[in-house]
Every structure is written in C-alpha cells, then in structure tokens.
N, C-alpha and C. Protein backbone atom coordinates (compact mmCIF):
# COMPACT_ATOMS: atom_id res chain seq x y z
N UNK A 1 27.35 67.23 -40.17
CA UNK A 1 26.63 68.00 -38.48
C UNK A 1 25.89 68.94 -39.18
N UNK A 2 26.15 69.65 -40.07
CA UNK A 2 24.70 70.93 -40.56
C UNK A 2 23.75 70.10 -40.82
N UNK A 3 23.61 69.02 -41.29
CA UNK A 3 21.97 68.08 -41.21
C UNK A 3 21.86 68.19 -39.88
N UNK A 4 22.59 67.50 -38.84
CA UNK A 4 21.59 67.18 -37.42
C UNK A 4 21.74 68.62 -36.99
N UNK A 5 21.99 70.11 -37.41
CA UNK A 5 22.18 71.29 -36.78
C UNK A 5 20.67 71.56 -37.05
N UNK A 6 20.45 71.42 -38.34
CA UNK A 6 19.22 71.50 -39.29
C UNK A 6 17.98 70.70 -38.41
N UNK A 7 17.93 69.74 -38.32
CA UNK A 7 16.91 68.74 -37.89
C UNK A 7 16.66 69.18 -36.17
N UNK A 8 17.74 69.54 -35.40
CA UNK A 8 17.85 70.01 -34.02
C UNK A 8 16.94 71.20 -33.89
N UNK A 9 17.17 72.29 -35.36
CA UNK A 9 16.63 73.66 -34.76
C UNK A 9 15.48 73.36 -35.45
N UNK A 10 15.08 72.19 -36.19
CA UNK A 10 13.45 72.02 -36.80
C UNK A 10 12.67 71.52 -35.73
N UNK A 11 13.08 70.44 -35.01
CA UNK A 11 12.48 69.81 -33.74
C UNK A 11 12.29 70.85 -32.84
N UNK A 12 13.45 71.67 -32.30
CA UNK A 12 13.44 71.92 -31.20
C UNK A 12 12.88 73.12 -30.96
N UNK A 13 12.32 74.04 -32.65
CA UNK A 13 11.46 74.93 -32.54
C UNK A 13 10.10 74.87 -32.69
N UNK A 14 9.83 73.50 -33.24
CA UNK A 14 8.67 73.23 -33.28
C UNK A 14 7.78 72.93 -31.90
N UNK A 15 8.79 72.56 -30.70
CA UNK A 15 8.38 72.57 -29.73
C UNK A 15 8.51 73.01 -28.47
N UNK A 16 9.25 74.27 -28.80
CA UNK A 16 9.38 75.31 -28.00
C UNK A 16 9.38 76.80 -28.67
N UNK A 17 8.68 77.85 -28.64
CA UNK A 17 8.38 78.86 -29.19
C UNK A 17 9.59 80.08 -28.91
N UNK A 18 10.01 79.55 -28.09
CA UNK A 18 11.53 80.33 -26.93
C UNK A 18 12.91 79.73 -27.76
N UNK A 19 12.89 78.58 -28.84
CA UNK A 19 14.09 78.09 -29.87
C UNK A 19 15.04 79.79 -29.77
N UNK A 20 16.31 79.56 -29.65
CA UNK A 20 17.11 80.65 -30.07
C UNK A 20 17.61 81.06 -31.04
N UNK A 21 18.41 79.16 -30.88
CA UNK A 21 19.32 79.29 -32.38
C UNK A 21 20.20 77.44 -32.04
N UNK A 22 20.69 77.15 -32.87
CA UNK A 22 21.80 76.21 -32.58
C UNK A 22 23.38 76.50 -32.45
N UNK A 23 24.14 76.28 -31.54
CA UNK A 23 25.62 75.93 -31.22
C UNK A 23 26.02 74.92 -31.87
N UNK A 24 26.99 75.05 -32.77
CA UNK A 24 27.64 74.54 -33.19
C UNK A 24 29.21 74.59 -32.72
N UNK A 25 29.97 72.97 -32.23
CA UNK A 25 31.25 72.91 -31.61
C UNK A 25 31.94 71.73 -32.89
N UNK A 26 33.03 71.78 -33.27
CA UNK A 26 33.73 70.73 -33.61
C UNK A 26 35.03 71.09 -32.89
N UNK A 27 35.47 69.74 -32.31
CA UNK A 27 36.35 70.00 -31.04
C UNK A 27 37.34 68.63 -31.29
N UNK A 28 38.84 68.97 -31.13
CA UNK A 28 39.76 67.57 -31.68
C UNK A 28 40.77 68.06 -30.56
N UNK A 29 40.63 68.93 -29.33
CA UNK A 29 42.09 69.18 -29.11
C UNK A 29 42.24 68.46 -27.98
N UNK A 30 41.08 67.65 -26.85
CA UNK A 30 41.27 67.30 -25.49
C UNK A 30 40.97 65.78 -25.93
N UNK A 31 40.80 65.35 -26.90
CA UNK A 31 40.27 63.31 -26.97
C UNK A 31 40.73 63.55 -28.50
N UNK A 32 41.45 62.36 -28.79
CA UNK A 32 42.11 61.97 -29.52
C UNK A 32 41.41 61.77 -30.95
N UNK A 33 40.38 62.06 -31.05
CA UNK A 33 39.48 62.39 -32.45
C UNK A 33 38.58 63.70 -32.34
N UNK A 34 38.40 63.52 -33.91
CA UNK A 34 37.36 65.12 -34.08
C UNK A 34 35.86 64.48 -33.49
N UNK A 35 35.43 65.77 -32.69
CA UNK A 35 33.70 65.15 -32.46
C UNK A 35 33.34 66.56 -32.34
N UNK A 36 32.35 66.85 -32.16
CA UNK A 36 31.00 68.05 -32.20
C UNK A 36 30.45 67.83 -31.89
N UNK A 37 29.40 68.64 -31.21
CA UNK A 37 28.29 69.27 -30.70
C UNK A 37 27.33 69.99 -31.06
N UNK A 38 26.08 69.83 -31.03
CA UNK A 38 25.23 70.74 -31.64
C UNK A 38 24.22 71.08 -30.24
N UNK A 39 24.21 72.26 -30.19
CA UNK A 39 23.58 72.79 -28.82
C UNK A 39 22.31 73.64 -28.63
N UNK A 40 21.21 73.24 -28.96
CA UNK A 40 19.90 74.01 -28.87
C UNK A 40 19.91 75.14 -27.47
N UNK A 41 19.61 76.35 -27.78
CA UNK A 41 19.86 77.50 -27.26
C UNK A 41 18.26 78.15 -27.30
N UNK A 42 17.81 79.03 -25.99
CA UNK A 42 16.59 79.35 -25.53
C UNK A 42 17.01 80.75 -24.89
N UNK A 43 15.72 81.49 -25.55
CA UNK A 43 15.35 82.85 -24.88
C UNK A 43 15.37 82.72 -23.44
N UNK A 44 14.87 81.33 -23.16
CA UNK A 44 14.37 81.75 -21.50
C UNK A 44 15.44 81.29 -20.62
N UNK A 45 16.63 81.17 -21.52
CA UNK A 45 18.38 80.93 -20.66
C UNK A 45 18.43 81.91 -19.78
N UNK A 46 18.75 81.86 -18.64
CA UNK A 46 19.18 82.85 -17.64
C UNK A 46 19.94 84.21 -19.16
N UNK A 47 20.00 85.28 -18.48
CA UNK A 47 20.71 86.10 -18.99
C UNK A 47 22.17 85.91 -19.62
N UNK A 48 22.80 85.58 -18.00
CA UNK A 48 24.06 85.39 -17.91
C UNK A 48 24.82 84.55 -18.62
N UNK A 49 23.49 83.62 -19.65
CA UNK A 49 24.47 82.32 -20.08
C UNK A 49 23.62 82.56 -21.03
N UNK A 50 22.95 82.87 -21.74
CA UNK A 50 22.44 83.00 -22.81
C UNK A 50 23.12 83.46 -23.67
N UNK A 51 24.07 84.02 -23.87
CA UNK A 51 25.23 84.05 -24.86
C UNK A 51 26.19 83.60 -24.77
N UNK A 52 26.84 82.85 -23.54
CA UNK A 52 27.91 82.04 -23.35
C UNK A 52 27.68 80.64 -23.66
N UNK A 53 29.04 79.85 -23.72
CA UNK A 53 28.68 78.16 -24.35
C UNK A 53 27.97 78.10 -23.03
N UNK A 54 27.61 76.51 -23.45
CA UNK A 54 26.75 75.84 -22.61
C UNK A 54 27.90 75.48 -21.23
N UNK A 55 28.90 75.20 -21.59
CA UNK A 55 30.08 74.71 -20.64
C UNK A 55 30.04 76.23 -19.56
N UNK A 56 29.48 76.82 -19.64
CA UNK A 56 29.76 78.02 -18.91
C UNK A 56 28.06 77.56 -17.33
N UNK A 57 27.42 76.95 -17.41
CA UNK A 57 26.50 76.78 -16.62
C UNK A 57 26.92 75.56 -15.79
N UNK A 58 26.99 76.16 -14.29
CA UNK A 58 27.79 75.42 -13.42
C UNK A 58 27.70 74.35 -12.99
N UNK A 59 25.89 73.84 -13.27
CA UNK A 59 25.48 72.74 -13.07
C UNK A 59 25.43 71.45 -13.90
N UNK A 60 26.30 72.17 -15.20
CA UNK A 60 26.00 71.29 -16.64
C UNK A 60 26.09 69.74 -16.14
N UNK A 61 26.76 69.39 -15.46
CA UNK A 61 27.39 68.04 -14.80
C UNK A 61 26.23 67.54 -14.15
N UNK A 62 25.12 67.83 -13.15
CA UNK A 62 24.44 67.73 -12.25
C UNK A 62 23.67 66.01 -12.83
N UNK A 63 23.58 65.29 -12.16
CA UNK A 63 22.75 63.96 -12.37
C UNK A 63 21.43 64.30 -12.93
N UNK A 64 20.61 65.03 -12.67
CA UNK A 64 19.14 65.75 -12.91
C UNK A 64 19.56 66.02 -14.67
N UNK A 65 20.66 66.19 -15.28
CA UNK A 65 20.43 66.59 -16.49
C UNK A 65 20.53 65.50 -17.80
N UNK A 66 21.39 64.76 -17.05
CA UNK A 66 21.71 63.18 -17.71
C UNK A 66 20.68 62.56 -18.74
N UNK A 67 20.73 62.12 -19.85
CA UNK A 67 19.47 61.44 -20.67
C UNK A 67 19.63 60.32 -20.34
N UNK A 68 17.93 60.34 -20.42
CA UNK A 68 17.04 59.32 -19.91
C UNK A 68 16.34 59.17 -20.91
N UNK A 69 15.23 58.11 -19.97
CA UNK A 69 13.91 57.91 -20.52
C UNK A 69 13.12 59.26 -21.17
N UNK A 70 13.09 60.08 -20.11
CA UNK A 70 12.52 61.24 -20.57
C UNK A 70 12.90 62.11 -21.55
N UNK A 71 13.30 61.05 -22.12
CA UNK A 71 14.02 62.08 -23.53
C UNK A 71 13.88 61.18 -24.41
N UNK A 72 13.12 59.88 -24.72
CA UNK A 72 12.89 59.16 -25.65
C UNK A 72 12.21 59.89 -26.80
N UNK A 73 11.14 60.48 -26.21
CA UNK A 73 10.59 61.26 -27.27
C UNK A 73 11.31 62.15 -28.35
N UNK A 74 11.92 63.14 -27.42
CA UNK A 74 12.42 64.24 -28.13
C UNK A 74 13.83 63.09 -29.35
N UNK A 75 14.26 61.95 -28.76
CA UNK A 75 15.20 61.05 -29.22
C UNK A 75 14.34 60.79 -31.02
N UNK A 76 13.49 60.55 -30.73
CA UNK A 76 12.67 60.04 -31.53
C UNK A 76 12.39 61.04 -32.90
N UNK A 77 11.78 61.60 -31.98
CA UNK A 77 11.47 63.01 -33.21
C UNK A 77 12.56 63.56 -33.65
N UNK A 78 13.75 63.72 -33.23
CA UNK A 78 15.11 63.97 -33.53
C UNK A 78 15.42 63.33 -35.03
N UNK A 79 15.64 62.13 -34.71
CA UNK A 79 15.87 60.85 -35.37
C UNK A 79 14.91 61.03 -36.77
N UNK A 80 13.93 61.11 -36.53
CA UNK A 80 13.02 61.20 -37.62
C UNK A 80 12.84 62.05 -38.63
N UNK A 81 13.50 63.28 -37.68
CA UNK A 81 13.61 64.34 -38.53
C UNK A 81 14.68 64.36 -39.41
N UNK A 82 15.87 63.83 -38.86
CA UNK A 82 17.39 63.44 -39.86
C UNK A 82 16.76 62.85 -40.86
N UNK A 83 16.10 61.19 -40.58
CA UNK A 83 15.98 60.61 -41.57
C UNK A 83 15.63 61.83 -43.06
N UNK A 84 14.34 62.55 -42.08
CA UNK A 84 13.63 63.10 -43.18
C UNK A 84 14.72 64.30 -44.00
N UNK A 85 15.39 64.34 -43.57
CA UNK A 85 16.65 65.27 -44.58
C UNK A 85 17.04 64.83 -44.88
N UNK A 86 17.95 63.75 -44.43
CA UNK A 86 18.89 63.34 -45.26
C UNK A 86 18.57 62.43 -46.61
N UNK A 87 17.02 61.93 -46.62
CA UNK A 87 16.50 61.20 -47.52
C UNK A 87 15.95 62.47 -48.60
N UNK A 88 15.82 63.43 -48.24
CA UNK A 88 15.51 64.82 -49.10
C UNK A 88 16.66 65.41 -49.57
N UNK A 89 17.62 65.09 -48.81
CA UNK A 89 19.28 65.53 -49.72
C UNK A 89 19.75 64.60 -50.69
N UNK A 90 18.98 63.60 -50.49
CA UNK A 90 19.94 62.17 -51.52
C UNK A 90 20.47 61.14 -51.03
N UNK A 91 20.38 60.93 -49.64
CA UNK A 91 21.44 60.38 -48.78
C UNK A 91 21.05 59.13 -48.57
N UNK A 92 19.45 58.77 -48.52
CA UNK A 92 19.25 57.43 -48.30
C UNK A 92 19.15 57.66 -46.68
N UNK A 93 17.37 57.11 -46.20
CA UNK A 93 16.59 57.06 -45.44
C UNK A 93 17.78 56.89 -43.30
N UNK A 94 18.84 56.61 -43.74
CA UNK A 94 19.22 55.89 -42.47
C UNK A 94 20.93 56.41 -42.47
N UNK A 95 21.55 57.34 -43.96
CA UNK A 95 22.78 57.79 -43.72
C UNK A 95 23.53 58.56 -42.74
N UNK A 96 22.73 59.82 -42.11
CA UNK A 96 23.48 59.87 -40.91
C UNK A 96 23.48 59.05 -39.75
N UNK A 97 22.44 58.63 -39.63
CA UNK A 97 22.22 57.54 -38.34
C UNK A 97 23.40 56.33 -38.16
N UNK A 98 24.18 56.51 -38.83
CA UNK A 98 25.17 55.29 -39.34
C UNK A 98 26.60 55.95 -38.70
C-alpha cells in the first residue's frame, strides 16, 4: 500500500500542481476481508471537505464519478509508475500488480 501511495503521489502531483497529499485507509470492519484505499487530495477541494474523509462528499456515489474510459490515461500512468517503483525496490516489474 505504501508503494501504491507513492505512485499515486508521484503521478497526481505531476498532473495537478494543486495536489495536496495522499490519504491512506486500511479497513476490515464492514467487509469480511481487509482492504485498503489510497485517495489523492487537492488544494482545490471545497474547504468543507478538504480536511474531511472523502466519504464526506454528498455526491460521491453519483454516476458521473464512476470509473470509465476517461480514466484510462491515469490508470496507465499509475500502473507504469507502480511498475517503476516496485522494480526499483527489487520486487520485480509486476509484483504490486498481481
């Protein structure tokens, strides 16, 4: 998760100068398995939400925010950066993508 967070930070800060930080969440209380989230956060977010969890956005489940083809370039950049970071860490080029 830390390597994924590093990739998110590297890619998102390169794409948007308003990148602020990456938030990490490791959860296991509502699903029967441990899972994690990495959320990029930005200075352009409304002040009421900037320091709150992403779950505080009232429209977060709106269909216009769903993952689709407009995210393909970002997905490719993140995968490429994650491959670079894991290779640099000696984990092999696709270790984190399995």
